[in-house]
Amino acid sequence: MLAKAEFSTDEEAQSFVPPAECVAEVTDDARFTGGRLVQTSRHEL
């Protein structure tokens, strides 16, 4: 499952504690951007 969180301020983002079910931060991972995610296979992830 892929989830997205948006924040109004940097302080909100810094204080965010993800749920235990979240196992990876993918913000800066190019494989998870736009149409690229659709084209990436499970094996490549």
Protein backbone atom coordinates (compact mmCIF):
# COMPACT_ATOMS: atom_id res chain seq x y z
CA MET A 1 0.00 0.00 0.00
CA LEU A 2 1.22 3.48 -0.82
CA ALA A 3 0.05 6.40 1.33
CA LYS A 4 0.52 10.13 0.95
CA ALA A 5 0.62 12.78 3.65
CA GLU A 6 0.60 16.53 3.06
CA PHE A 7 1.39 19.26 5.56
CA SER A 8 0.79 23.01 5.66
CA THR A 9 4.02 23.80 7.49
CA ASP A 10 7.49 22.36 7.95
CA GLU A 11 6.75 22.03 11.65
CA GLU A 12 3.76 19.78 10.94
CA ALA A 13 5.88 17.61 8.66
CA GLN A 14 8.68 17.34 11.21
CA SER A 15 6.32 16.34 14.01
CA PHE A 16 4.53 13.66 11.95
CA VAL A 17 4.90 10.16 13.35
CA PRO A 18 3.97 7.53 10.74
CA PRO A 19 1.90 4.51 11.79
CA ALA A 20 3.80 1.32 12.60
CA GLU A 21 2.52 -0.21 9.35
CA CYS A 22 4.64 2.24 7.34
CA VAL A 23 7.86 0.46 6.50
CA ALA A 24 9.60 2.80 4.04
CA GLU A 25 9.93 6.49 3.25
CA VAL A 26 9.80 6.93 -0.53
CA THR A 27 9.57 10.71 -0.92
CA ASP A 28 12.93 11.01 -2.68
CA ASP A 29 12.78 7.66 -4.49
CA ALA A 30 12.32 8.32 -8.22
CA ARG A 31 10.63 4.92 -8.68
CA PHE A 32 7.59 6.30 -6.84
CA THR A 33 6.99 9.40 -8.95
CA GLY A 34 4.23 9.99 -11.47
CA GLY A 35 3.91 7.50 -14.31
CA ARG A 36 7.13 5.76 -13.34
CA LEU A 37 5.40 3.89 -10.52
CA VAL A 38 2.92 2.45 -13.00
CA GLN A 39 5.76 1.15 -15.18
CA THR A 40 7.88 -0.31 -12.34
CA SER A 41 7.53 -4.02 -11.66
CA ARG A 42 7.31 -5.53 -8.20
CA HIS A 43 10.73 -7.07 -8.75
CA GLU A 44 12.25 -3.63 -9.47
CA LEU A 45 10.83 -2.20 -6.26
